[in-house]
Amino acid sequence: MKDYSLSNLSKIIFTDKSCPFLIAGPCALEDEDTCFSAASAIKRLSLELEIPVIFKGSFCKANRTREKSFHGVGMEIGLRLLDTVKHDYNLPVTSDVHTVEQLELAAEYLDIIQIPALLCKNTDLLHAAGGSGCIINIKKGAFITAEDMRYSIEKVKSRGNPKVLVTERGTQFGYIDTIVDFRSIAILKSFGCPIVFDASHSVRNSARRSEDPGGGSPEAIPVLTRCAAAAGVDGLFIETHPEPEYTLCDSITSYPLNELPALVKTFVKIYNFMKTINEESSQLSAVDRRGIYTPASNVRG
């Protein structure tokens, strides 16, 4: 079995593109047992499916709505946990950063720096991320159009760093549901970056607490994951936990760790099926010069 680990991560994601990749882990880092249990299961999944897997865990949850919500274990403990996962399980690691000061230290430990959705237009943070040399994953805000994400990408690349991912996590209308418009995948792909689908936050109802039964629609995660694979994303992002009902952050949309393999296997099957179809017919869809998705039949050769 192939071991997709640290040394060839950039080559697989940006050059080979021979298989999909997975970003998975707990929403927030908690204790060692939870962290390492998730890391062990995710590593086994990587080896079984022969796909690269990046372990995700946030050391700081600066964007929580309420003061009394869990805001993370802190940078020192969090980076120590991620460093252990990296070296003991030979997994690339990622976490989100919220300030330039956080980024400068975190870049010494992280393989992928995640820019939170609420900060996806923050110029100083994006410039600092571009200068870090790390792979940068920009989470698309629910308040921004797919077309406008090109400017966030440009801010990172302007610092000489072409290694940019963009994660689609839906668009919010009004105060309740987050809606995923899968036309955005084609638009985002036209900017030349690998595109990731966040199956967890795409089903959140941010008007309610994450532990509230009405705080999300986790039953929609499998069907949205299948749709994303069919739409042509390059990677899947999902937050997972051994016991979602007891997690300290986003419990309603944390996918059960023991059910993760079946979900990812289905994603990979559809990805491979669509890859075969696209190789057989490059005329299935196209993107015009403005970066707007148009049916192939309307594109002039």
C-alpha atoms as a PDB file:
ATOM      1  CA  MET A   1       0.000   0.000   0.000  1.00  0.00           C
ATOM      2  CA  LYS A   2       1.150   3.496  -0.758  1.00  0.00           C
ATOM      3  CA  ASP A   3       1.950   5.740   2.183  1.00  0.00           C
ATOM      4  CA  TYR A   4       0.764   9.247   1.372  1.00  0.00           C
ATOM      5  CA  SER A   5       2.667  11.285   3.897  1.00  0.00           C
ATOM      6  CA  LEU A   6       4.474  14.575   4.380  1.00  0.00           C
ATOM      7  CA  SER A   7       7.194  14.431   1.760  1.00  0.00           C
ATOM      8  CA  ASN A   8       5.035  14.240  -1.364  1.00  0.00           C
ATOM      9  CA  LEU A   9       1.918  16.135  -0.258  1.00  0.00           C
ATOM     10  CA  SER A  10       2.333  19.177  -2.530  1.00  0.00           C
ATOM     11  CA  LYS A  11       3.203  17.018  -5.528  1.00  0.00           C
ATOM     12  CA  ILE A  12       0.090  14.869  -5.112  1.00  0.00           C
ATOM     13  CA  ILE A  13      -2.313  17.768  -4.587  1.00  0.00           C
ATOM     14  CA  PHE A  14      -0.974  20.281  -7.106  1.00  0.00           C
ATOM     15  CA  THR A  15       0.870  18.261  -9.766  1.00  0.00           C
ATOM     16  CA  ASP A  16      -0.182  14.609  -9.996  1.00  0.00           C
ATOM     17  CA  LYS A  17      -3.843  15.038  -9.068  1.00  0.00           C
ATOM     18  CA  SER A  18      -4.116  11.282  -9.443  1.00  0.00           C
ATOM     19  CA  CYS A  19      -6.439  10.790  -6.495  1.00  0.00           C
ATOM     20  CA  PRO A  20      -8.634  12.801  -4.152  1.00  0.00           C
ATOM     21  CA  PHE A  21      -7.449  13.875  -0.722  1.00  0.00           C
ATOM     22  CA  LEU A  22      -9.135  14.085   2.663  1.00  0.00           C
ATOM     23  CA  ILE A  23      -8.870  16.706   5.408  1.00  0.00           C
ATOM     24  CA  ALA A  24     -10.378  15.266   8.587  1.00  0.00           C
ATOM     25  CA  GLY A  25     -10.229  15.505  12.350  1.00  0.00           C
ATOM     26  CA  PRO A  26     -12.024  17.018  15.324  1.00  0.00           C
ATOM     27  CA  CYS A  27     -13.475  20.514  15.049  1.00  0.00           C
ATOM     28  CA  ALA A  28     -11.395  21.595  18.036  1.00  0.00           C
ATOM     29  CA  LEU A  29      -8.477  19.842  19.663  1.00  0.00           C
ATOM     30  CA  GLU A  30      -9.511  18.543  23.085  1.00  0.00           C
ATOM     31  CA  ASP A  31      -7.488  15.932  24.972  1.00  0.00           C
ATOM     32  CA  GLU A  32      -4.753  13.513  23.910  1.00  0.00           C
ATOM     33  CA  ASP A  33      -6.998  10.433  23.841  1.00  0.00           C
ATOM     34  CA  THR A  34      -9.519  12.006  21.457  1.00  0.00           C
ATOM     35  CA  CYS A  35      -6.820  13.508  19.255  1.00  0.00           C
ATOM     36  CA  PHE A  36      -4.750  10.357  18.911  1.00  0.00           C
ATOM     37  CA  SER A  37      -7.779   8.079  18.517  1.00  0.00           C
ATOM     38  CA  ALA A  38      -8.901  10.187  15.565  1.00  0.00           C
ATOM     39  CA  ALA A  39      -5.386  10.318  14.123  1.00  0.00           C
ATOM     40  CA  SER A  40      -5.009   6.535  14.302  1.00  0.00           C
ATOM     41  CA  ALA A  41      -8.324   5.911  12.533  1.00  0.00           C
ATOM     42  CA  ILE A  42      -7.601   8.514   9.865  1.00  0.00           C
ATOM     43  CA  LYS A  43      -4.153   7.048   9.220  1.00  0.00           C
ATOM     44  CA  ARG A  44      -5.653   3.575   8.719  1.00  0.00           C
ATOM     45  CA  LEU A  45      -8.138   5.040   6.265  1.00  0.00           C
ATOM     46  CA  SER A  46      -5.351   6.704   4.294  1.00  0.00           C
ATOM     47  CA  LEU A  47      -3.467   3.427   3.971  1.00  0.00           C
ATOM     48  CA  GLU A  48      -6.571   1.414   3.099  1.00  0.00           C
ATOM     49  CA  LEU A  49      -7.852   3.767   0.389  1.00  0.00           C
ATOM     50  CA  GLU A  50      -4.411   4.896  -0.779  1.00  0.00           C
ATOM     51  CA  ILE A  51      -5.283   8.571  -0.638  1.00  0.00           C
ATOM     52  CA  PRO A  52      -3.488  11.401   1.158  1.00  0.00           C
ATOM     53  CA  VAL A  53      -5.140  12.422   4.415  1.00  0.00           C
ATOM     54  CA  ILE A  54      -4.408  15.604   6.342  1.00  0.00           C
ATOM     55  CA  PHE A  55      -5.235  15.662  10.040  1.00  0.00           C
ATOM     56  CA  LYS A  56      -7.228  18.734  11.059  1.00  0.00           C
ATOM     57  CA  GLY A  57      -7.645  20.097  14.569  1.00  0.00           C
ATOM     58  CA  SER A  58      -8.144  23.684  15.712  1.00  0.00           C
ATOM     59  CA  PHE A  59      -6.103  24.941  18.657  1.00  0.00           C
ATOM     60  CA  CYS A  60      -8.144  28.157  18.820  1.00  0.00           C
ATOM     61  CA  LYS A  61     -11.815  28.728  18.021  1.00  0.00           C
ATOM     62  CA  ALA A  62     -11.830  32.513  17.916  1.00  0.00           C
ATOM     63  CA  ASN A  63     -15.060  32.735  15.923  1.00  0.00           C
ATOM     64  CA  ARG A  64     -17.409  31.038  18.407  1.00  0.00           C
ATOM     65  CA  THR A  65     -20.624  32.986  18.885  1.00  0.00           C
ATOM     66  CA  ARG A  66     -20.953  32.837  22.673  1.00  0.00           C
ATOM     67  CA  GLU A  67     -18.512  33.829  25.397  1.00  0.00           C
ATOM     68  CA  LYS A  68     -19.112  30.606  27.335  1.00  0.00           C
ATOM     69  CA  SER A  69     -18.508  28.348  24.333  1.00  0.00           C
ATOM     70  CA  PHE A  70     -15.327  26.278  24.205  1.00  0.00           C
ATOM     71  CA  HIS A  71     -12.647  28.385  22.536  1.00  0.00           C
ATOM     72  CA  GLY A  72      -9.889  25.786  22.257  1.00  0.00           C
ATOM     73  CA  VAL A  73      -6.966  24.352  24.208  1.00  0.00           C
ATOM     74  CA  GLY A  74      -4.692  27.213  23.218  1.00  0.00           C
ATOM     75  CA  MET A  75      -1.800  27.532  20.846  1.00  0.00           C
ATOM     76  CA  GLU A  76       0.936  25.920  22.965  1.00  0.00           C
ATOM     77  CA  ILE A  77      -0.986  22.748  23.791  1.00  0.00           C
ATOM     78  CA  GLY A  78      -2.620  22.579  20.363  1.00  0.00           C
ATOM     79  CA  LEU A  79       0.601  22.817  18.377  1.00  0.00           C
ATOM     80  CA  ARG A  80       2.190  20.204  20.648  1.00  0.00           C
ATOM     81  CA  LEU A  81      -0.683  17.805  19.924  1.00  0.00           C
ATOM     82  CA  LEU A  82      -0.470  18.436  16.188  1.00  0.00           C
ATOM     83  CA  ASP A  83       3.304  17.982  16.225  1.00  0.00           C
ATOM     84  CA  THR A  84       2.844  14.601  17.915  1.00  0.00           C
ATOM     85  CA  VAL A  85       0.279  13.564  15.290  1.00  0.00           C
ATOM     86  CA  LYS A  86       2.656  14.618  12.530  1.00  0.00           C
ATOM     87  CA  HIS A  87       5.603  12.631  13.795  1.00  0.00           C
ATOM     88  CA  ASP A  88       3.985   9.647  15.522  1.00  0.00           C
ATOM     89  CA  TYR A  89       1.372   8.963  12.827  1.00  0.00           C
ATOM     90  CA  ASN A  90       3.271  10.394   9.853  1.00  0.00           C
ATOM     91  CA  LEU A  91       0.310  12.570   8.901  1.00  0.00           C
ATOM     92  CA  PRO A  92       0.370  16.103   7.494  1.00  0.00           C
ATOM     93  CA  VAL A  93      -1.467  18.479   9.839  1.00  0.00           C
ATOM     94  CA  THR A  94      -3.557  21.619   9.498  1.00  0.00           C
ATOM     95  CA  SER A  95      -5.248  24.130  11.754  1.00  0.00           C
ATOM     96  CA  ASP A  96      -6.839  27.525  11.327  1.00  0.00           C
ATOM     97  CA  VAL A  97      -5.095  30.761  12.289  1.00  0.00           C
ATOM     98  CA  HIS A  98      -6.753  34.062  13.069  1.00  0.00           C
ATOM     99  CA  THR A  99      -3.929  36.600  13.349  1.00  0.00           C
ATOM    100  CA  VAL A 100      -0.607  37.285  11.683  1.00  0.00           C
ATOM    101  CA  GLU A 101       1.119  36.605  15.014  1.00  0.00           C
ATOM    102  CA  GLN A 102      -0.499  33.169  15.284  1.00  0.00           C
ATOM    103  CA  LEU A 103       0.411  32.376  11.711  1.00  0.00           C
ATOM    104  CA  GLU A 104       4.112  33.133  12.139  1.00  0.00           C
ATOM    105  CA  LEU A 105       4.481  30.542  14.905  1.00  0.00           C
ATOM    106  CA  ALA A 106       1.984  27.998  13.541  1.00  0.00           C
ATOM    107  CA  ALA A 107       3.758  27.913  10.169  1.00  0.00           C
ATOM    108  CA  GLU A 108       6.680  26.160  11.865  1.00  0.00           C
ATOM    109  CA  TYR A 109       4.400  23.210  12.688  1.00  0.00           C
ATOM    110  CA  LEU A 110       1.614  23.119  10.106  1.00  0.00           C
ATOM    111  CA  ASP A 111       1.745  21.639   6.604  1.00  0.00           C
ATOM    112  CA  ILE A 112      -1.446  23.425   5.557  1.00  0.00           C
ATOM    113  CA  ILE A 113      -2.534  26.746   7.034  1.00  0.00           C
ATOM    114  CA  GLN A 114      -6.290  27.172   7.105  1.00  0.00           C
ATOM    115  CA  ILE A 115      -7.767  30.652   6.705  1.00  0.00           C
ATOM    116  CA  PRO A 116     -11.167  30.730   8.470  1.00  0.00           C
ATOM    117  CA  ALA A 117     -14.239  31.588   6.422  1.00  0.00           C
ATOM    118  CA  LEU A 118     -14.900  34.776   8.380  1.00  0.00           C
ATOM    119  CA  LEU A 119     -11.377  35.987   7.555  1.00  0.00           C
ATOM    120  CA  CYS A 120     -11.256  34.924   3.905  1.00  0.00           C
ATOM    121  CA  LYS A 121     -10.900  38.560   2.736  1.00  0.00           C
ATOM    122  CA  ASN A 122      -8.416  39.711   5.412  1.00  0.00           C
ATOM    123  CA  THR A 123      -5.564  41.155   3.375  1.00  0.00           C
ATOM    124  CA  ASP A 124      -2.895  41.194   6.099  1.00  0.00           C
ATOM    125  CA  LEU A 125      -3.584  37.582   7.043  1.00  0.00           C
ATOM    126  CA  LEU A 126      -3.634  36.398   3.420  1.00  0.00           C
ATOM    127  CA  HIS A 127      -0.384  38.225   2.650  1.00  0.00           C
ATOM    128  CA  ALA A 128       1.289  36.675   5.702  1.00  0.00           C
ATOM    129  CA  ALA A 129      -0.036  33.258   4.707  1.00  0.00           C
ATOM    130  CA  GLY A 130       1.392  33.674   1.226  1.00  0.00           C
ATOM    131  CA  GLY A 131       4.788  34.518   2.674  1.00  0.00           C
ATOM    132  CA  SER A 132       4.864  31.456   4.924  1.00  0.00           C
ATOM    133  CA  GLY A 133       5.660  28.988   2.139  1.00  0.00           C
ATOM    134  CA  CYS A 134       3.022  26.567   3.446  1.00  0.00           C
ATOM    135  CA  ILE A 135       0.058  25.235   1.523  1.00  0.00           C
ATOM    136  CA  ILE A 136      -2.819  27.637   2.191  1.00  0.00           C
ATOM    137  CA  ASN A 137      -6.441  26.520   2.430  1.00  0.00           C
ATOM    138  CA  ILE A 138      -8.852  29.456   2.223  1.00  0.00           C
ATOM    139  CA  LYS A 139     -12.320  28.630   3.519  1.00  0.00           C
ATOM    140  CA  LYS A 140     -14.898  30.456   1.406  1.00  0.00           C
ATOM    141  CA  GLY A 141     -17.124  32.655   3.546  1.00  0.00           C
ATOM    142  CA  ALA A 142     -20.862  32.119   3.420  1.00  0.00           C
ATOM    143  CA  PHE A 143     -21.165  35.839   2.640  1.00  0.00           C
ATOM    144  CA  ILE A 144     -18.992  35.891  -0.492  1.00  0.00           C
ATOM    145  CA  THR A 145     -19.656  34.776  -4.054  1.00  0.00           C
ATOM    146  CA  ALA A 146     -17.570  32.120  -5.734  1.00  0.00           C
ATOM    147  CA  GLU A 147     -16.494  34.689  -8.336  1.00  0.00           C
ATOM    148  CA  ASP A 148     -15.069  37.032  -5.693  1.00  0.00           C
ATOM    149  CA  MET A 149     -12.847  34.338  -4.195  1.00  0.00           C
ATOM    150  CA  ARG A 150     -10.390  35.037  -7.009  1.00  0.00           C
ATOM    151  CA  TYR A 151      -9.258  38.132  -5.119  1.00  0.00           C
ATOM    152  CA  SER A 152      -8.458  36.196  -1.958  1.00  0.00           C
ATOM    153  CA  ILE A 153      -6.446  33.742  -4.045  1.00  0.00           C
ATOM    154  CA  GLU A 154      -4.583  36.622  -5.688  1.00  0.00           C
ATOM    155  CA  LYS A 155      -3.596  38.043  -2.276  1.00  0.00           C
ATOM    156  CA  VAL A 156      -1.857  34.786  -1.330  1.00  0.00           C
ATOM    157  CA  LYS A 157      -0.244  34.280  -4.719  1.00  0.00           C
ATOM    158  CA  SER A 158       0.996  37.882  -4.801  1.00  0.00           C
ATOM    159  CA  ARG A 159       3.538  36.859  -2.157  1.00  0.00           C
ATOM    160  CA  GLY A 160       5.018  34.216  -4.455  1.00  0.00           C
ATOM    161  CA  ASN A 161       3.097  31.235  -3.105  1.00  0.00           C
ATOM    162  CA  PRO A 162       1.107  29.294  -5.739  1.00  0.00           C
ATOM    163  CA  LYS A 163       0.076  26.535  -3.309  1.00  0.00           C
ATOM    164  CA  VAL A 164      -3.519  27.576  -2.639  1.00  0.00           C
ATOM    165  CA  LEU A 165      -6.604  25.477  -1.937  1.00  0.00           C
ATOM    166  CA  VAL A 166     -10.133  26.843  -1.732  1.00  0.00           C
ATOM    167  CA  THR A 167     -12.824  25.181   0.356  1.00  0.00           C
ATOM    168  CA  GLU A 168     -16.502  25.564  -0.519  1.00  0.00           C
ATOM    169  CA  ARG A 169     -18.788  25.462   2.516  1.00  0.00           C
ATOM    170  CA  GLY A 170     -22.024  26.924   1.243  1.00  0.00           C
ATOM    171  CA  THR A 171     -23.761  30.274   1.157  1.00  0.00           C
ATOM    172  CA  GLN A 172     -26.080  31.603   3.808  1.00  0.00           C
ATOM    173  CA  PHE A 173     -29.395  33.192   2.951  1.00  0.00           C
ATOM    174  CA  GLY A 174     -31.219  35.067   5.687  1.00  0.00           C
ATOM    175  CA  TYR A 175     -30.602  33.804   9.208  1.00  0.00           C
ATOM    176  CA  ILE A 176     -31.182  30.080   8.966  1.00  0.00           C
ATOM    177  CA  ASP A 177     -29.912  27.572   6.426  1.00  0.00           C
ATOM    178  CA  THR A 178     -26.626  27.302   4.617  1.00  0.00           C
ATOM    179  CA  ILE A 179     -27.216  26.344   0.984  1.00  0.00           C
ATOM    180  CA  VAL A 180     -24.662  24.703  -1.303  1.00  0.00           C
ATOM    181  CA  ASP A 181     -24.847  25.828  -4.925  1.00  0.00           C
ATOM    182  CA  PHE A 182     -22.726  23.266  -6.748  1.00  0.00           C
ATOM    183  CA  ARG A 183     -22.309  25.586  -9.745  1.00  0.00           C
ATOM    184  CA  SER A 184     -19.699  27.308  -7.573  1.00  0.00           C
ATOM    185  CA  ILE A 185     -17.359  24.306  -7.901  1.00  0.00           C
ATOM    186  CA  ALA A 186     -16.855  24.942 -11.625  1.00  0.00           C
ATOM    187  CA  ILE A 187     -16.363  28.667 -11.004  1.00  0.00           C
ATOM    188  CA  LEU A 188     -13.799  28.089  -8.261  1.00  0.00           C
ATOM    189  CA  LYS A 189     -11.936  25.485 -10.329  1.00  0.00           C
ATOM    190  CA  SER A 190     -11.570  28.030 -13.130  1.00  0.00           C
ATOM    191  CA  PHE A 191      -9.136  29.945 -10.893  1.00  0.00           C
ATOM    192  CA  GLY A 192      -6.613  27.117 -11.170  1.00  0.00           C
ATOM    193  CA  CYS A 193      -6.687  25.908  -7.550  1.00  0.00           C
ATOM    194  CA  PRO A 194      -7.644  22.513  -6.140  1.00  0.00           C
ATOM    195  CA  ILE A 195     -11.133  22.761  -4.635  1.00  0.00           C
ATOM    196  CA  VAL A 196     -12.221  21.142  -1.378  1.00  0.00           C
ATOM    197  CA  PHE A 197     -15.776  20.560  -0.168  1.00  0.00           C
ATOM    198  CA  ASP A 198     -16.524  21.111   3.516  1.00  0.00           C
ATOM    199  CA  ALA A 199     -19.305  18.639   4.258  1.00  0.00           C
ATOM    200  CA  SER A 200     -19.567  19.644   7.916  1.00  0.00           C
ATOM    201  CA  HIS A 201     -20.112  23.401   7.896  1.00  0.00           C
ATOM    202  CA  SER A 202     -22.280  23.143   4.792  1.00  0.00           C
ATOM    203  CA  VAL A 203     -25.040  21.683   6.967  1.00  0.00           C
ATOM    204  CA  ARG A 204     -24.716  24.080   9.934  1.00  0.00           C
ATOM    205  CA  ASN A 205     -27.518  26.352  11.058  1.00  0.00           C
ATOM    206  CA  SER A 206     -25.507  29.175  12.595  1.00  0.00           C
ATOM    207  CA  ALA A 207     -28.593  30.778  14.118  1.00  0.00           C
ATOM    208  CA  ARG A 208     -28.606  28.005  16.720  1.00  0.00           C
ATOM    209  CA  ARG A 209     -25.995  26.516  19.025  1.00  0.00           C
ATOM    210  CA  SER A 210     -24.034  23.639  17.542  1.00  0.00           C
ATOM    211  CA  GLU A 211     -25.154  21.233  20.265  1.00  0.00           C
ATOM    212  CA  ASP A 212     -28.803  22.107  19.618  1.00  0.00           C
ATOM    213  CA  PRO A 213     -30.639  19.381  17.627  1.00  0.00           C
ATOM    214  CA  GLY A 214     -31.697  22.187  15.283  1.00  0.00           C
ATOM    215  CA  GLY A 215     -28.141  23.445  14.914  1.00  0.00           C
ATOM    216  CA  GLY A 216     -27.571  21.570  11.700  1.00  0.00           C
ATOM    217  CA  SER A 217     -28.705  18.837   9.326  1.00  0.00           C
ATOM    218  CA  PRO A 218     -26.094  16.073   9.685  1.00  0.00           C
ATOM    219  CA  GLU A 219     -28.324  13.653   7.783  1.00  0.00           C
ATOM    220  CA  ALA A 220     -27.521  15.702   4.660  1.00  0.00           C
ATOM    221  CA  ILE A 221     -23.754  15.142   4.908  1.00  0.00           C
ATOM    222  CA  PRO A 222     -23.681  11.906   2.836  1.00  0.00           C
ATOM    223  CA  VAL A 223     -25.792  13.218  -0.053  1.00  0.00           C
ATOM    224  CA  LEU A 224     -23.895  16.532  -0.215  1.00  0.00           C
ATOM    225  CA  THR A 225     -20.613  14.613  -0.173  1.00  0.00           C
ATOM    226  CA  ARG A 226     -21.764  12.521  -3.128  1.00  0.00           C
ATOM    227  CA  CYS A 227     -22.894  15.637  -4.997  1.00  0.00           C
ATOM    228  CA  ALA A 228     -19.545  17.316  -4.378  1.00  0.00           C
ATOM    229  CA  ALA A 229     -17.639  14.343  -5.769  1.00  0.00           C
ATOM    230  CA  ALA A 230     -19.850  14.370  -8.874  1.00  0.00           C
ATOM    231  CA  ALA A 231     -19.363  18.144  -9.238  1.00  0.00           C
ATOM    232  CA  GLY A 232     -15.604  17.670  -9.500  1.00  0.00           C
ATOM    233  CA  VAL A 233     -14.028  18.691  -6.200  1.00  0.00           C
ATOM    234  CA  ASP A 234     -10.471  17.557  -5.538  1.00  0.00           C
ATOM    235  CA  GLY A 235     -10.744  16.958  -1.819  1.00  0.00           C
ATOM    236  CA  LEU A 236     -13.174  16.408   1.043  1.00  0.00           C
ATOM    237  CA  PHE A 237     -13.100  18.257   4.371  1.00  0.00           C
ATOM    238  CA  ILE A 238     -15.018  16.764   7.269  1.00  0.00           C
ATOM    239  CA  GLU A 239     -14.926  17.179  11.011  1.00  0.00           C
ATOM    240  CA  THR A 240     -15.149  13.881  12.851  1.00  0.00           C
ATOM    241  CA  HIS A 241     -15.131  12.702  16.453  1.00  0.00           C
ATOM    242  CA  PRO A 242     -15.223   9.327  18.263  1.00  0.00           C
ATOM    243  CA  GLU A 243     -18.273  10.501  20.250  1.00  0.00           C
ATOM    244  CA  PRO A 244     -19.906  13.473  18.502  1.00  0.00           C
ATOM    245  CA  GLU A 245     -22.500  13.946  21.239  1.00  0.00           C
ATOM    246  CA  TYR A 246     -19.702  14.732  23.705  1.00  0.00           C
ATOM    247  CA  THR A 247     -17.470  16.892  21.544  1.00  0.00           C
ATOM    248  CA  LEU A 248     -16.839  20.425  22.813  1.00  0.00           C
ATOM    249  CA  CYS A 249     -17.426  22.157  19.476  1.00  0.00           C
ATOM    250  CA  ASP A 250     -19.917  21.685  16.610  1.00  0.00           C
ATOM    251  CA  SER A 251     -21.286  18.444  17.984  1.00  0.00           C
ATOM    252  CA  ILE A 252     -24.348  18.351  15.732  1.00  0.00           C
ATOM    253  CA  THR A 253     -22.286  18.333  12.531  1.00  0.00           C
ATOM    254  CA  SER A 254     -19.322  16.247  13.717  1.00  0.00           C
ATOM    255  CA  TYR A 255     -19.405  13.010  11.756  1.00  0.00           C
ATOM    256  CA  PRO A 256     -19.066   9.783  13.774  1.00  0.00           C
ATOM    257  CA  LEU A 257     -15.509   8.500  13.430  1.00  0.00           C
ATOM    258  CA  ASN A 258     -16.645   4.886  13.031  1.00  0.00           C
ATOM    259  CA  GLU A 259     -18.858   5.874  10.066  1.00  0.00           C
ATOM    260  CA  LEU A 260     -16.193   7.920   8.305  1.00  0.00           C
ATOM    261  CA  PRO A 261     -14.676   5.064   6.227  1.00  0.00           C
ATOM    262  CA  ALA A 262     -17.955   4.284   4.459  1.00  0.00           C
ATOM    263  CA  LEU A 263     -18.530   7.965   3.657  1.00  0.00           C
ATOM    264  CA  VAL A 264     -15.032   8.477   2.260  1.00  0.00           C
ATOM    265  CA  LYS A 265     -15.103   5.230   0.270  1.00  0.00           C
ATOM    266  CA  THR A 266     -18.256   6.400  -1.498  1.00  0.00           C
ATOM    267  CA  PHE A 267     -16.657   9.789  -2.163  1.00  0.00           C
ATOM    268  CA  VAL A 268     -13.589   8.141  -3.702  1.00  0.00           C
ATOM    269  CA  LYS A 269     -15.696   5.826  -5.887  1.00  0.00           C
ATOM    270  CA  ILE A 270     -17.677   8.723  -7.337  1.00  0.00           C
ATOM    271  CA  TYR A 271     -14.505  10.781  -7.767  1.00  0.00           C
ATOM    272  CA  ASN A 272     -12.872   7.984  -9.753  1.00  0.00           C
ATOM    273  CA  PHE A 273     -16.033   7.426 -11.807  1.00  0.00           C
ATOM    274  CA  MET A 274     -16.232  11.121 -12.734  1.00  0.00           C
ATOM    275  CA  LYS A 275     -12.520  11.182 -13.528  1.00  0.00           C
ATOM    276  CA  THR A 276     -13.056   8.373 -16.036  1.00  0.00           C
ATOM    277  CA  ILE A 277     -15.996  10.150 -17.615  1.00  0.00           C
ATOM    278  CA  ASN A 278     -14.106  13.427 -17.892  1.00  0.00           C
ATOM    279  CA  GLU A 279     -11.146  11.714 -19.479  1.00  0.00           C
ATOM    280  CA  GLU A 280     -13.438  10.139 -22.056  1.00  0.00           C
ATOM    281  CA  SER A 281     -15.193  13.370 -22.882  1.00  0.00           C
ATOM    282  CA  SER A 282     -13.670  16.768 -22.212  1.00  0.00           C
ATOM    283  CA  GLN A 283     -16.814  18.358 -23.640  1.00  0.00           C
ATOM    284  CA  LEU A 284     -19.062  17.627 -20.671  1.00  0.00           C
ATOM    285  CA  SER A 285     -18.655  21.167 -19.356  1.00  0.00           C
ATOM    286  CA  ALA A 286     -16.517  24.244 -19.832  1.00  0.00           C
ATOM    287  CA  VAL A 287     -15.743  27.571 -18.282  1.00  0.00           C
ATOM    288  CA  ASP A 288     -15.748  30.701 -20.416  1.00  0.00           C
ATOM    289  CA  ARG A 289     -13.140  33.452 -20.246  1.00  0.00           C
ATOM    290  CA  ARG A 290     -15.015  35.333 -17.546  1.00  0.00           C
ATOM    291  CA  GLY A 291     -14.842  32.337 -15.235  1.00  0.00           C
ATOM    292  CA  ILE A 292     -18.586  31.685 -15.407  1.00  0.00           C
ATOM    293  CA  TYR A 293     -19.800  28.113 -15.811  1.00  0.00           C
ATOM    294  CA  THR A 294     -21.528  27.456 -19.153  1.00  0.00           C
ATOM    295  CA  PRO A 295     -22.721  24.217 -20.788  1.00  0.00           C
ATOM    296  CA  ALA A 296     -20.318  22.812 -23.345  1.00  0.00           C
ATOM    297  CA  SER A 297     -22.915  23.125 -26.076  1.00  0.00           C
ATOM    298  CA  ASN A 298     -22.866  26.899 -25.669  1.00  0.00           C
ATOM    299  CA  VAL A 299     -19.089  27.251 -25.873  1.00  0.00           C
ATOM    300  CA  ARG A 300     -17.767  28.149 -29.271  1.00  0.00           C
ATOM    301  CA  GLY A 301     -14.760  26.233 -30.445  1.00  0.00           C
END
